[in-house]
Each structure stands twice: as structure tokens, then as C-alpha cells.
Amino acid sequence: MKRVFLLGYPIAHSLSPAMQNAAFRALDLNWRYELLETPRENLRAAVTRLRANDCAGANVTIPHKQAVIEWLDDLSENARRIGAVNTIVKHADRLIGENTDGYGFLQSLRDAQFDTRGARVAILGAGGAAHAVAFAAADAGAASLAVVNRTEAHAVRLADALRQHFPQLAITVNRSEAIKDATLIVNTTSVGMSPDGHASPMPGEFPRDAAAFDLVYRPARTRFLRDAERAGARTIGGIGMLAHQGAAAFRLWAGRDAPVDVMTAAAAAVLRETEYTIRNTEYVMRNE
């Protein structure tokens, strides 16, 4: 049996095992996708595990998308440019870092019939996912990019990386005016991932005519999305991006097209089931 792992911390909430294992079953592959919870101090050992003969590769999630690069043998051109890895592919005895987040982001926007060309994009966060989203938006013809992050030095680092590849693109850092003028606001932070979804990374009110995209997919309706909806903004949840980036990773590991519909349905089913359980548990606790 071939194994594929998810490296990150914490990762118990992840829908990727349900999604990828459904795809393996659909194509009759004797493969299994497993969680490999990896605190920062265990990252090198986790990457070493990927070199075993039974392993085909891995996904990488928060907080390791940039730190993992140190332990890989090489990067694809795309991952090198972005400076972040969300997929590791084993070629012979070498581990190659790839990034499918940007592809998943753009495919999800296309599914939602949002045209990125000419968009004024505001990105909340400056980690590995933010890097992938920012480069994808720039590649797709965004008119401007605003990076908003609590630690300004990290936002400046992302802005500087973008300017090297897109010298004509208007890029700003931590400017409230850019948020107010945005036509697409993307949350790339993990804020809002708690079961109650009370937290929101949005610094201020949503522009009424903007689209709001949250990479967080659990809960399905984060406070970020609920606040955007109340303001009259269009909302896009993270499960579509999850499925598309996962399908691109599947192709890299298995060399076959992934059943995207199967993957999306499997992830959505688990999300519905767990959120129903949470709501039912909260109801019982309130009425005991």
C-alpha cells in the first residue's frame, strides 16, 4: 500500500483524509492518506518519514508551508517563486516541493464565476497560503494587491517578493483605504477555525460590493463570511479551493486525473456531519 501524509499542527480538523481516500477508492488505487500531526520540533523527522518506500508524498499545511522547504531536495519553479510548499512529491529518492494552493484558489473563483482580471484584491495574512494566493491573483491579472497582516514585517516581505516578479503591479501594505476599495477580500489566516466561528480577521467593515473568500472551510460559515454577507458582500467558502488544490496534488502523486466531484462530495459530507454533531451537542448542553 502506498501512503500519503498530511504534515501540520494541529490537523485533527482536516477534511483532506476523507477527500483523498474517497478519490483513491474511486480509482481503485491501493493508497491511503493519513494524518501525521507534526509540531515544529518534529518537522525534520516527519519529512524523513516521507523517504520510506511505502510513501508517495505529502501535503503540508499550517504552520509548515515555508519552514518545510529547508528539508526538501528541490522545489518546482512555482513553489520556488512563491516561497511556500503545500505538496511534496517523491521522485525516486528525492522529495520535491510543489504548490497547488494558487491553482485551487483560481479554480474556486472560476467555479464562483468571479473574474480576477482587473480585481482590487486585499489579502488578510502573510503566511504560506497568502503567498500562493497573492501570486495566483497577480498571475490572473489583478489590478492591485493589498497585504494586511498583524506583523507588518511579514506583510512587507510578501509585498517585496511580489514586486520582484510584478514590478508594474500596485501593491500596498496595511492600508485601510485598500480594504475599503477592494473588490475581492481573501482571508488566508487560520482565524475563525474554532468550532464556534466567533473570531474574524477583518479589520473594519466590508465594502458592500466586494466578494469575500475565506480559505478556512471549517466551520463552513465562518464569522468572516457571515459578517461579509450581512454587509451585502458576495461570499465564497474554502471547500472548493480545498478540493481543487487536493485534486492537483493527487495528479502529482498518482499521475492520473483526480475525480474532483467525488472529492468535493466526500469533504462536504464530513463537514455537514461534524457541524450537525456540534450543533446538536450545543443544543443538548443548553437544555440539560
Protein backbone atom coordinates (compact mmCIF):
# COMPACT_ATOMS: atom_id res chain seq x y z
CA MET A 1 0.00 0.00 0.00
CA LYS A 2 1.19 3.47 -0.88
CA ARG A 3 0.78 6.18 1.74
CA VAL A 4 0.38 9.93 1.51
CA PHE A 5 0.56 12.09 4.63
CA LEU A 6 -0.62 15.50 5.81
CA LEU A 7 2.02 17.41 7.79
CA GLY A 8 0.85 20.24 10.03
CA TYR A 9 -0.13 21.22 13.55
CA PRO A 10 -2.91 20.95 14.57
CA ILE A 11 -4.59 18.89 11.84
CA ALA A 12 -7.33 16.84 13.52
CA HIS A 13 -9.93 19.10 11.85
CA SER A 14 -8.72 18.35 8.32
CA LEU A 15 -11.11 17.09 5.64
CA SER A 16 -8.25 16.00 3.39
CA PRO A 17 -8.20 12.33 4.50
CA ALA A 18 -11.90 11.87 3.68
CA MET A 19 -11.44 13.68 0.38
CA GLN A 20 -8.27 11.95 -0.82
CA ASN A 21 -9.24 8.46 0.38
CA ALA A 22 -12.54 8.78 -1.50
CA ALA A 23 -10.55 9.60 -4.63
CA PHE A 24 -8.23 6.61 -4.13
CA ARG A 25 -11.23 4.30 -3.73
CA ALA A 26 -12.96 5.75 -6.80
CA LEU A 27 -9.93 4.91 -8.95
CA ASP A 28 -9.24 1.53 -7.28
CA LEU A 29 -5.85 2.62 -6.00
CA ASN A 30 -4.39 0.75 -3.03
CA TRP A 31 -3.33 4.02 -1.43
CA ARG A 32 -4.10 5.64 1.90
CA TYR A 33 -3.99 9.26 3.05
CA GLU A 34 -3.08 9.69 6.72
CA LEU A 35 -2.63 12.50 9.22
CA LEU A 36 0.91 13.00 10.55
CA GLU A 37 0.50 15.63 13.22
CA THR A 38 3.79 17.50 13.30
CA PRO A 39 4.83 20.05 15.91
CA ARG A 40 7.62 22.32 14.65
CA GLU A 41 10.32 20.40 16.50
CA ASN A 42 9.28 17.18 14.73
CA LEU A 43 9.21 18.59 11.19
CA ARG A 44 12.58 17.22 10.09
CA ALA A 45 11.69 13.72 11.35
CA ALA A 46 8.31 13.88 9.58
CA VAL A 47 9.97 14.77 6.28
CA THR A 48 12.42 11.90 6.77
CA ARG A 49 9.41 9.55 7.12
CA LEU A 50 8.36 10.54 3.61
CA ARG A 51 11.51 8.92 2.19
CA ALA A 52 10.27 5.41 3.08
CA ASN A 53 9.44 3.10 0.18
CA ASP A 54 5.73 3.00 1.00
CA CYS A 55 5.31 6.78 0.70
CA ALA A 56 4.31 8.70 -2.46
CA GLY A 57 4.36 12.19 -0.96
CA ALA A 58 2.52 14.55 1.33
CA ASN A 59 0.51 17.69 1.79
CA VAL A 60 1.80 20.46 4.05
CA THR A 61 -0.43 22.84 5.96
CA ILE A 62 -0.25 25.45 8.74
CA PRO A 63 2.31 26.29 10.09
CA HIS A 64 4.93 24.49 7.94
CA LYS A 65 4.42 25.66 4.34
CA GLN A 66 7.57 27.77 4.41
CA ALA A 67 9.61 26.02 7.12
CA VAL A 68 9.43 22.65 5.33
CA ILE A 69 11.49 23.95 2.41
CA GLU A 70 14.69 23.55 4.43
CA TRP A 71 14.32 19.76 4.49
CA LEU A 72 13.44 19.13 0.82
CA ASP A 73 15.76 18.21 -2.03
CA ASP A 74 14.35 20.64 -4.59
CA LEU A 75 11.39 22.88 -5.45
CA SER A 76 9.29 23.31 -8.55
CA GLU A 77 9.70 26.69 -10.22
CA ASN A 78 6.25 27.68 -8.99
CA ALA A 79 6.99 26.76 -5.36
CA ARG A 80 10.38 28.48 -5.54
CA ARG A 81 8.82 31.70 -6.81
CA ILE A 82 6.06 31.66 -4.21
CA GLY A 83 8.38 30.62 -1.39
CA ALA A 84 5.89 28.13 0.06
CA VAL A 85 5.08 24.44 -0.33
CA ASN A 86 1.75 22.69 0.20
CA THR A 87 2.55 19.45 -1.66
CA ILE A 88 5.58 17.17 -1.58
CA VAL A 89 6.12 14.64 -4.37
CA LYS A 90 8.65 11.82 -4.20
CA HIS A 91 10.59 11.25 -7.41
CA ALA A 92 12.83 8.21 -6.95
CA ASP A 93 14.62 9.07 -3.70
CA ARG A 94 14.18 12.85 -3.95
CA LEU A 95 11.50 14.97 -2.28
CA ILE A 96 10.29 17.84 -4.47
CA GLY A 97 8.25 20.71 -3.08
CA GLU A 98 5.26 21.87 -5.14
CA ASN A 99 2.46 24.36 -4.56
CA THR A 100 -1.12 23.74 -5.71
CA ASP A 101 -2.80 26.36 -3.48
CA GLY A 102 -2.79 29.07 -6.15
CA TYR A 103 -4.35 26.71 -8.69
CA GLY A 104 -7.03 25.70 -6.20
CA PHE A 105 -7.76 29.33 -5.37
CA LEU A 106 -8.23 30.36 -9.00
CA GLN A 107 -10.31 27.30 -9.87
CA SER A 108 -12.60 28.01 -6.94
CA LEU A 109 -13.02 31.61 -8.12
CA ARG A 110 -13.86 30.36 -11.62
CA ASP A 111 -16.45 28.00 -10.17
CA ALA A 112 -17.98 31.02 -8.41
CA GLN A 113 -17.83 32.96 -11.72
CA PHE A 114 -15.58 35.64 -10.28
CA ASP A 115 -13.20 37.21 -12.80
CA THR A 116 -9.87 38.10 -11.20
CA ARG A 117 -8.80 40.28 -14.13
CA GLY A 118 -8.84 43.89 -13.01
CA ALA A 119 -9.79 42.97 -9.43
CA ARG A 120 -8.58 45.02 -6.49
CA VAL A 121 -7.50 42.26 -4.12
CA ALA A 122 -6.94 42.57 -0.38
CA ILE A 123 -5.25 39.62 1.30
CA LEU A 124 -5.52 39.10 5.06
CA GLY A 125 -2.45 37.28 6.30
CA ALA A 126 1.11 36.88 5.05
CA GLY A 127 1.94 33.19 5.56
CA GLY A 128 2.41 30.41 3.04
CA ALA A 129 -1.20 30.39 1.85
CA ALA A 130 -1.14 34.17 1.43
CA HIS A 131 1.95 33.90 -0.76
CA ALA A 132 0.25 31.37 -3.04
CA VAL A 133 -2.97 33.38 -3.26
CA ALA A 134 -1.13 36.65 -3.93
CA PHE A 135 0.98 35.23 -6.76
CA ALA A 136 -2.05 33.49 -8.28
CA ALA A 137 -4.09 36.71 -8.20
CA ALA A 138 -1.24 38.64 -9.80
CA ASP A 139 -0.81 35.97 -12.49
CA ALA A 140 -4.55 36.12 -13.19
CA GLY A 141 -4.47 39.86 -13.90
CA ALA A 142 -5.42 41.56 -10.64
CA ALA A 143 -5.21 45.35 -10.90
CA SER A 144 -3.83 45.82 -7.37
CA LEU A 145 -2.89 43.83 -4.28
CA ALA A 146 -3.10 44.92 -0.66
CA VAL A 147 -1.47 42.81 2.04
CA VAL A 148 -2.84 43.20 5.57
CA ASN A 149 -1.14 41.38 8.43
CA ARG A 150 -0.74 41.81 12.17
CA THR A 151 3.06 41.52 11.89
CA GLU A 152 3.90 44.18 9.34
CA ALA A 153 7.38 42.81 8.62
CA HIS A 154 5.83 39.63 7.24
CA ALA A 155 3.48 41.63 5.03
CA VAL A 156 6.42 43.70 3.75
CA ARG A 157 8.31 40.51 2.93
CA LEU A 158 5.40 39.24 0.82
CA ALA A 159 4.99 42.62 -0.89
CA ASP A 160 8.71 42.72 -1.74
CA ALA A 161 8.56 39.21 -3.22
CA LEU A 162 5.61 40.23 -5.39
CA ARG A 163 7.35 43.38 -6.61
CA GLN A 164 10.30 41.33 -7.86
CA HIS A 165 8.00 39.42 -10.23
CA PHE A 166 5.31 42.03 -10.89
CA PRO A 167 7.06 45.43 -10.93
CA GLN A 168 4.08 47.16 -12.57
CA LEU A 169 1.50 45.90 -10.08
CA ALA A 170 0.18 48.35 -7.47
CA ILE A 171 0.98 46.78 -4.07
CA THR A 172 0.29 48.23 -0.63
CA VAL A 173 0.86 47.04 2.93
CA ASN A 174 -1.51 47.54 5.89
CA ARG A 175 -3.51 50.39 4.35
CA SER A 176 -7.14 50.61 5.47
CA GLU A 177 -8.06 52.50 2.28
CA ALA A 178 -7.09 49.48 0.21
CA ILE A 179 -9.56 47.32 2.15
CA LYS A 180 -12.37 49.82 1.61
CA ASP A 181 -11.68 49.90 -2.16
CA ALA A 182 -11.21 46.13 -2.59
CA THR A 183 -13.40 44.08 -4.91
CA LEU A 184 -12.05 40.78 -3.51
CA ILE A 185 -11.04 40.24 0.12
CA VAL A 186 -9.33 36.95 0.91
CA ASN A 187 -8.79 35.58 4.41
CA THR A 188 -5.71 33.33 4.38
CA THR A 189 -5.29 33.20 8.18
CA SER A 190 -6.44 30.41 10.48
CA VAL A 191 -8.55 32.85 12.49
CA GLY A 192 -12.13 31.60 12.55
CA MET A 193 -11.19 27.92 12.52
CA SER A 194 -12.61 27.37 16.01
CA PRO A 195 -15.87 25.37 16.20
CA ASP A 196 -17.96 28.38 17.22
CA GLY A 197 -16.53 30.51 14.41
CA HIS A 198 -16.75 33.67 16.52
CA ALA A 199 -13.41 35.17 15.53
CA SER A 200 -12.86 37.30 12.43
CA PRO A 201 -9.61 38.70 10.98
CA MET A 202 -11.38 41.55 9.17
CA PRO A 203 -10.05 44.96 10.31
CA GLY A 204 -13.20 47.03 9.81
CA GLU A 205 -16.36 46.85 7.74
CA PHE A 206 -16.75 45.03 4.45
CA PRO A 207 -17.19 47.00 1.24
CA ARG A 208 -20.74 46.30 0.11
CA ASP A 209 -19.89 45.31 -3.45
CA ALA A 210 -16.85 43.15 -2.67
CA ALA A 211 -16.53 39.39 -2.78
CA ALA A 212 -15.26 37.74 0.41
CA PHE A 213 -13.26 34.50 0.13
CA ASP A 214 -12.32 32.54 3.26
CA LEU A 215 -9.73 29.78 2.89
CA VAL A 216 -10.99 28.40 6.22
CA TYR A 217 -13.53 25.68 5.45
CA ARG A 218 -14.41 24.54 8.96
CA PRO A 219 -16.85 25.87 10.05
CA ALA A 220 -18.38 26.31 6.60
CA ARG A 221 -19.83 29.70 7.57
CA THR A 222 -17.10 31.49 9.50
CA ARG A 223 -17.73 34.82 11.16
CA PHE A 224 -15.69 36.39 8.34
CA LEU A 225 -18.23 35.11 5.81
CA ARG A 226 -21.24 35.88 7.98
CA ASP A 227 -20.08 39.47 8.50
CA ALA A 228 -19.47 39.83 4.77
CA GLU A 229 -22.93 38.51 3.97
CA ARG A 230 -24.57 40.91 6.41
CA ALA A 231 -22.72 43.78 4.71
CA GLY A 232 -24.12 42.74 1.33
CA ALA A 233 -20.88 41.23 0.04
CA ARG A 234 -20.74 38.05 -2.02
CA THR A 235 -19.22 35.10 -0.13
CA ILE A 236 -17.07 32.16 -1.22
CA GLY A 237 -16.20 29.37 1.23
CA GLY A 238 -12.96 27.42 1.32
CA ILE A 239 -14.14 23.91 0.46
CA GLY A 240 -13.88 24.48 -3.31
CA MET A 241 -10.27 25.57 -3.03
CA LEU A 242 -9.57 22.59 -0.77
CA ALA A 243 -10.94 20.20 -3.38
CA HIS A 244 -9.15 21.77 -6.36
CA GLN A 245 -5.75 22.05 -4.67
CA GLY A 246 -6.20 18.47 -3.46
CA ALA A 247 -7.05 17.29 -6.97
CA ALA A 248 -3.92 18.95 -8.34
CA ALA A 249 -1.84 17.27 -5.62
CA PHE A 250 -3.48 13.91 -6.44
CA ARG A 251 -2.37 14.25 -10.08
CA LEU A 252 1.20 14.95 -8.98
CA TRP A 253 1.33 11.86 -6.76
CA ALA A 254 -0.64 9.36 -8.82
CA GLY A 255 -0.08 10.63 -12.36
CA ARG A 256 -3.83 10.40 -13.03
CA ASP A 257 -6.64 12.93 -13.18
CA ALA A 258 -8.48 13.20 -9.91
CA PRO A 259 -12.26 12.75 -9.52
CA VAL A 260 -12.89 16.29 -8.28
CA ASP A 261 -16.64 15.78 -7.86
CA VAL A 262 -16.06 12.72 -5.68
CA MET A 263 -13.53 14.60 -3.57
CA THR A 264 -15.78 17.62 -3.11
CA ALA A 265 -18.76 15.46 -2.15
CA ALA A 266 -16.73 13.46 0.39
CA ALA A 267 -15.36 16.60 2.06
CA ALA A 268 -18.77 18.27 2.13
CA ALA A 269 -20.42 15.18 3.65
CA VAL A 270 -17.95 15.05 6.54
CA LEU A 271 -18.30 18.79 7.08
CA ARG A 272 -22.10 18.54 7.24
CA GLU A 273 -21.96 15.59 9.62
CA THR A 274 -19.48 17.14 12.05
CA GLU A 275 -21.20 20.52 12.09
CA TYR A 276 -24.54 18.83 12.76
CA THR A 277 -22.93 16.95 15.67
CA ILE A 278 -21.51 20.19 17.08
CA ARG A 279 -24.86 21.97 16.83
CA ASN A 280 -26.72 19.03 18.38
CA THR A 281 -24.20 18.79 21.24
CA GLU A 282 -24.54 22.52 21.93
CA TYR A 283 -28.35 22.19 21.95
CA VAL A 284 -28.24 19.27 24.42
CA MET A 285 -25.82 21.13 26.72
CA ARG A 286 -28.03 24.24 26.73
CA ASN A 287 -31.11 22.19 27.62
CA GLU A 288 -29.73 19.82 30.23
